[in-house]
Protein backbone atom coordinates (compact mmCIF):
# COMPACT_ATOMS: atom_id res chain seq x y z
CA UNK A 1 -7.45 -0.65 4.25
CA UNK A 2 -7.59 3.04 5.12
CA UNK A 3 -10.23 5.32 3.70
CA UNK A 4 -10.22 9.10 4.05
CA UNK A 5 -13.47 10.92 3.32
CA UNK A 6 -12.57 14.55 2.69
CA UNK A 7 -16.05 15.87 1.98
CA UNK A 8 -19.47 14.92 0.63
CA UNK A 9 -18.35 14.86 -3.00
CA UNK A 10 -14.92 13.20 -2.90
CA UNK A 11 -13.46 9.92 -1.67
CA UNK A 12 -9.68 10.00 -1.38
CA UNK A 13 -6.95 7.59 -0.37
CA UNK A 14 -4.06 8.34 1.96
CA UNK A 15 -1.85 6.40 -0.46
CA UNK A 16 -2.11 9.27 -2.95
CA UNK A 17 -1.32 12.24 -0.70
CA UNK A 18 1.46 13.38 -3.06
CA UNK A 19 -0.87 13.65 -6.05
CA UNK A 20 -4.23 15.26 -6.74
CA UNK A 21 -6.57 12.28 -6.82
CA UNK A 22 -9.90 10.90 -5.73
CA UNK A 23 -13.26 9.45 -6.69
CA UNK A 24 -16.32 11.63 -7.03
CA UNK A 25 -19.81 10.86 -5.77
CA UNK A 26 -23.17 11.62 -7.38
CA UNK A 27 -23.41 14.97 -5.61
CA UNK A 28 -20.44 16.24 -7.63
CA UNK A 29 -22.42 15.92 -10.88
CA UNK A 30 -22.63 13.78 -13.99
CA UNK A 31 -19.07 13.34 -15.17
CA UNK A 32 -20.13 12.27 -18.65
CA UNK A 33 -20.32 16.04 -19.20
CA UNK A 34 -16.94 17.67 -19.71
CA UNK A 35 -18.24 20.88 -18.14
CA UNK A 36 -19.03 18.96 -14.94
CA UNK A 37 -15.42 17.78 -14.81
CA UNK A 38 -14.09 21.29 -15.36
CA UNK A 39 -16.42 22.69 -12.70
CA UNK A 40 -15.37 20.03 -10.21
CA UNK A 41 -11.67 20.76 -10.71
CA UNK A 42 -12.25 24.49 -10.44
CA UNK A 43 -14.25 24.19 -7.22
CA UNK A 44 -11.63 21.79 -5.79
CA UNK A 45 -8.74 24.22 -6.54
CA UNK A 46 -7.20 21.77 -9.00
CA UNK A 47 -5.77 23.40 -12.12
CA UNK A 48 -4.81 20.80 -14.73
CA UNK A 49 -2.89 21.86 -17.80
CA UNK A 50 -5.17 19.48 -19.65
CA UNK A 51 -7.82 16.85 -18.90
CA UNK A 52 -7.19 13.39 -20.36
CA UNK A 53 -10.30 11.29 -21.05
CA UNK A 54 -10.68 7.70 -22.27
CA UNK A 55 -13.13 6.50 -24.89
CA UNK A 56 -13.71 3.38 -22.72
CA UNK A 57 -14.71 0.52 -25.00
CA UNK A 58 -14.29 -2.29 -22.42
CA UNK A 59 -10.87 -3.21 -23.77
CA UNK A 60 -7.41 -3.57 -22.24
CA UNK A 61 -5.98 -0.95 -24.57
CA UNK A 62 -3.70 1.52 -22.79
CA UNK A 63 -2.51 4.85 -24.19
CA UNK A 64 -0.03 7.55 -23.29
CA UNK A 65 -1.18 11.17 -23.55
CA UNK A 66 0.51 13.37 -26.14
CA UNK A 67 2.79 15.72 -24.17
CA UNK A 68 2.66 18.17 -27.09
CA UNK A 69 -1.15 18.27 -27.13
CA UNK A 70 -2.13 21.90 -26.63
CA UNK A 71 -5.87 21.49 -26.16
CA UNK A 72 -7.72 21.79 -22.87
CA UNK A 73 -9.09 18.25 -23.24
CA UNK A 74 -7.41 15.24 -24.84
CA UNK A 75 -9.54 12.17 -25.64
CA UNK A 76 -7.68 8.88 -26.06
CA UNK A 77 -9.60 6.80 -28.58
CA UNK A 78 -10.25 3.08 -28.12
CA UNK A 79 -8.59 3.14 -24.70
CA UNK A 80 -9.57 1.98 -21.22
CA UNK A 81 -6.28 2.79 -19.54
CA UNK A 82 -3.80 5.66 -19.49
CA UNK A 83 -0.30 6.07 -18.02
CA UNK A 84 1.92 9.15 -17.85
CA UNK A 85 4.79 10.90 -16.08
CA UNK A 86 3.59 14.29 -17.35
CA UNK A 87 2.84 16.79 -14.53
CA UNK A 88 -0.35 18.77 -14.99
CA UNK A 89 -2.17 16.12 -17.03
CA UNK A 90 -5.30 15.07 -15.12
CA UNK A 91 -6.13 11.45 -15.97
CA UNK A 92 -9.87 10.75 -15.74
CA UNK A 93 -11.79 7.48 -15.79
CA UNK A 94 -15.61 7.53 -15.73
CA UNK A 95 -17.77 4.78 -14.23
CA UNK A 96 -21.19 3.82 -12.93
CA UNK A 97 -20.66 0.21 -11.67
CA UNK A 98 -17.36 -0.81 -13.25
CA UNK A 99 -14.22 -0.57 -11.12
CA UNK A 100 -12.26 2.69 -11.43
CA UNK A 101 -8.58 2.14 -10.62
CA UNK A 102 -5.89 4.73 -9.88
CA UNK A 103 -2.15 3.96 -9.87
CA UNK A 104 0.80 5.93 -8.48
CA UNK A 105 4.53 5.30 -8.19
CA UNK A 106 5.65 8.14 -5.88
CA UNK A 107 9.32 7.25 -6.29
CA UNK A 108 9.40 7.62 -10.07
CA UNK A 109 6.43 10.02 -10.37
CA UNK A 110 4.38 7.87 -12.73
CA UNK A 111 0.59 7.72 -12.58
CA UNK A 112 -2.19 5.80 -14.28
CA UNK A 113 -5.94 5.31 -14.39
CA UNK A 114 -8.04 2.49 -15.81
CA UNK A 115 -11.64 1.45 -16.37
CA UNK A 116 -12.02 -2.18 -15.27
CA UNK A 117 -15.34 -3.64 -16.27
CA UNK A 118 -15.91 -7.39 -16.35
CA UNK A 119 -14.26 -7.73 -19.77
CA UNK A 120 -11.17 -5.75 -18.81
CA UNK A 121 -10.93 -7.50 -15.47
CA UNK A 122 -11.16 -10.95 -17.06
CA UNK A 123 -8.39 -9.95 -19.48
CA UNK A 124 -6.24 -8.70 -16.56
CA UNK A 125 -6.18 -4.97 -17.17
CA UNK A 126 -4.28 -4.65 -13.88
CA UNK A 127 -1.29 -6.56 -15.27
CA UNK A 128 -1.41 -4.58 -18.50
CA UNK A 129 -1.34 -1.30 -16.56
CA UNK A 130 1.51 -2.37 -14.29
CA UNK A 131 3.50 -3.46 -17.33
CA UNK A 132 2.93 -0.15 -19.08
CA UNK A 133 4.01 1.77 -15.97
CA UNK A 134 7.13 -0.37 -15.65
CA UNK A 135 7.97 0.43 -19.27
CA UNK A 136 8.06 4.08 -18.23
CA UNK A 137 10.39 3.30 -15.32
CA UNK A 138 8.03 2.44 -12.46
CA UNK A 139 8.61 -0.52 -10.12
CA UNK A 140 5.81 -2.79 -8.91
CA UNK A 141 7.05 -2.69 -5.33
CA UNK A 142 6.58 1.09 -5.30
CA UNK A 143 3.22 1.26 -7.08
CA UNK A 144 0.19 2.18 -5.01
CA UNK A 145 -3.31 1.30 -6.19
CA UNK A 146 -6.75 2.52 -5.17
CA UNK A 147 -10.00 0.89 -6.24
CA UNK A 148 -12.95 3.26 -6.30
CA UNK A 149 -16.61 2.48 -5.56
CA UNK A 150 -18.08 -0.17 -7.88
CA UNK A 151 -20.95 -2.63 -7.97
CA UNK A 152 -20.59 -5.10 -5.10
CA UNK A 153 -20.89 -8.84 -4.86
CA UNK A 154 -24.27 -8.24 -3.22
CA UNK A 155 -25.73 -6.94 -6.50
CA UNK A 156 -23.60 -8.27 -9.33
CA UNK A 157 -25.27 -11.47 -10.56
CA UNK A 158 -23.90 -13.33 -13.58
CA UNK A 159 -25.32 -16.34 -15.37
CA UNK A 160 -23.77 -19.78 -15.75
CA UNK A 161 -22.29 -19.01 -19.16
CA UNK A 162 -20.34 -16.02 -17.85
CA UNK A 163 -19.23 -18.00 -14.81
CA UNK A 164 -17.81 -20.71 -17.09
CA UNK A 165 -16.18 -18.02 -19.24
CA UNK A 166 -14.38 -16.62 -16.20
CA UNK A 167 -13.37 -20.04 -14.93
CA UNK A 168 -11.57 -20.82 -18.19
CA UNK A 169 -8.92 -18.23 -17.27
CA UNK A 170 -9.42 -17.37 -13.60
CA UNK A 171 -10.32 -20.63 -11.87
CA UNK A 172 -7.58 -20.03 -9.29
CA UNK A 173 -9.69 -17.20 -7.80
CA UNK A 174 -13.03 -19.01 -7.76
CA UNK A 175 -13.40 -19.21 -3.96
CA UNK A 176 -12.61 -15.52 -3.52
CA UNK A 177 -14.63 -13.97 -6.32
CA UNK A 178 -17.73 -16.16 -6.82
CA UNK A 179 -20.65 -17.20 -4.63
CA UNK A 180 -23.51 -19.43 -5.84
CA UNK A 181 -26.83 -17.60 -6.05
CA UNK A 182 -29.69 -19.90 -7.09
CA UNK A 183 -29.04 -20.89 -10.70
CA UNK A 184 -26.53 -18.04 -11.08
CA UNK A 185 -23.48 -16.61 -9.32
CA UNK A 186 -22.51 -13.42 -7.53
CA UNK A 187 -19.24 -11.89 -8.77
CA UNK A 188 -16.92 -9.74 -6.64
CA UNK A 189 -15.24 -7.65 -9.32
CA UNK A 190 -13.18 -5.50 -6.95
CA UNK A 191 -11.82 -8.59 -5.17
CA UNK A 192 -10.80 -10.06 -8.53
CA UNK A 193 -8.79 -6.95 -9.38
CA UNK A 194 -7.26 -6.97 -5.90
CA UNK A 195 -6.08 -10.58 -6.36
CA UNK A 196 -4.68 -9.76 -9.80
CA UNK A 197 -2.77 -6.80 -8.33
CA UNK A 198 -1.16 -9.06 -5.74
CA UNK A 199 -0.09 -11.44 -8.51
CA UNK A 200 1.68 -8.53 -10.18
CA UNK A 201 3.82 -7.91 -7.12
CA UNK A 202 1.87 -5.02 -5.60
CA UNK A 203 2.22 -5.04 -1.79
CA UNK A 204 -0.99 -5.44 0.22
CA UNK A 205 -0.11 -2.32 2.22
CA UNK A 206 -0.10 -0.33 -1.04
CA UNK A 207 -3.65 -1.29 -2.06
CA UNK A 208 -6.65 0.74 -0.95
CA UNK A 209 -10.35 0.39 -1.73
CA UNK A 210 -13.71 1.88 -0.89
CA UNK A 211 -16.17 -0.78 0.31
CA UNK A 212 -19.34 0.73 -1.15
CA UNK A 213 -21.72 -0.81 -3.66
CA UNK A 214 -22.76 1.65 -6.35
CA UNK A 215 -25.91 -0.35 -7.00
CA UNK A 216 -27.00 -0.46 -3.35
CA UNK A 217 -26.17 3.13 -2.43
CA UNK A 218 -28.56 5.25 -4.46
CA UNK A 219 -27.88 8.31 -2.29
CA UNK A 220 -24.19 8.62 -3.13
CA UNK A 221 -23.69 6.84 -6.45
CA UNK A 222 -25.00 6.47 -9.97
CA UNK A 223 -25.47 2.87 -11.12
CA UNK A 224 -25.93 1.52 -14.63
CA UNK A 225 -27.61 -1.66 -13.43
CA UNK A 226 -29.92 0.14 -11.02
CA UNK A 227 -30.89 3.09 -13.19
CA UNK A 228 -30.46 2.61 -16.91
CA UNK A 229 -33.79 0.86 -17.47
CA UNK A 230 -35.88 2.13 -14.54
CA UNK A 231 -34.78 5.79 -14.41
CA UNK A 232 -32.50 6.62 -17.35
CA UNK A 233 -33.31 10.32 -16.98
CA UNK A 234 -31.49 10.32 -13.63
CA UNK A 235 -28.52 8.26 -14.76
CA UNK A 236 -24.99 9.66 -14.75
CA UNK A 237 -21.39 8.67 -14.12
CA UNK A 238 -18.82 9.36 -11.42
CA UNK A 239 -15.11 9.76 -12.10
CA UNK A 240 -11.76 8.75 -10.68
CA UNK A 241 -8.96 11.22 -11.32
CA UNK A 242 -5.24 11.59 -10.66
CA UNK A 243 -2.71 14.28 -11.51
CA UNK A 244 0.95 14.84 -10.65
């Protein structure tokens, strides 16, 4: 997989060279704040007609932005995914351990963004997103996907109950996504989403990822698991963004 590191604040994929896109790092600011998002776009010479945000409730609900929405910011309620063919709409997903995913069909000019936590991943948000893009006219063989920085297998420990819960639906991926760790298991959430993307017909060559653990790398990333209890005053969120 190819990674292109444009500067200290942004991680970008060569797969998305025809769209404004990337994943921010901690140095870019706390993206829970709308002003931080606006400042980032301004300093990056990106001028969206509007910014589209997701409520992010750990669901597999996917929405389409309202093309007639005249506000500077549109918030899609009860949604963890968004798809559009509307130029100038900047799709934003905010994370601090969960997997941020960007989607792009450069042939049909359709983009998407999703927040894939463990619940959304287990319910196959990837397949839901691909299906929604196809409904707009995209084709799986053309879709490119980039997975942003997320918590790694090295730090993501789940108990036996959650392991069994995953195995009820995803046993076919057990060897690739789980490793025993004492009385618990280590889960590779990015690898799970990668495997699900392949099942949907996405070509390997069209999948990119950034092999960083948000929990391990305290210099570059915020992390819910690392910070929320020990240093909540320093906690924040990064964002993934994409715009035609």
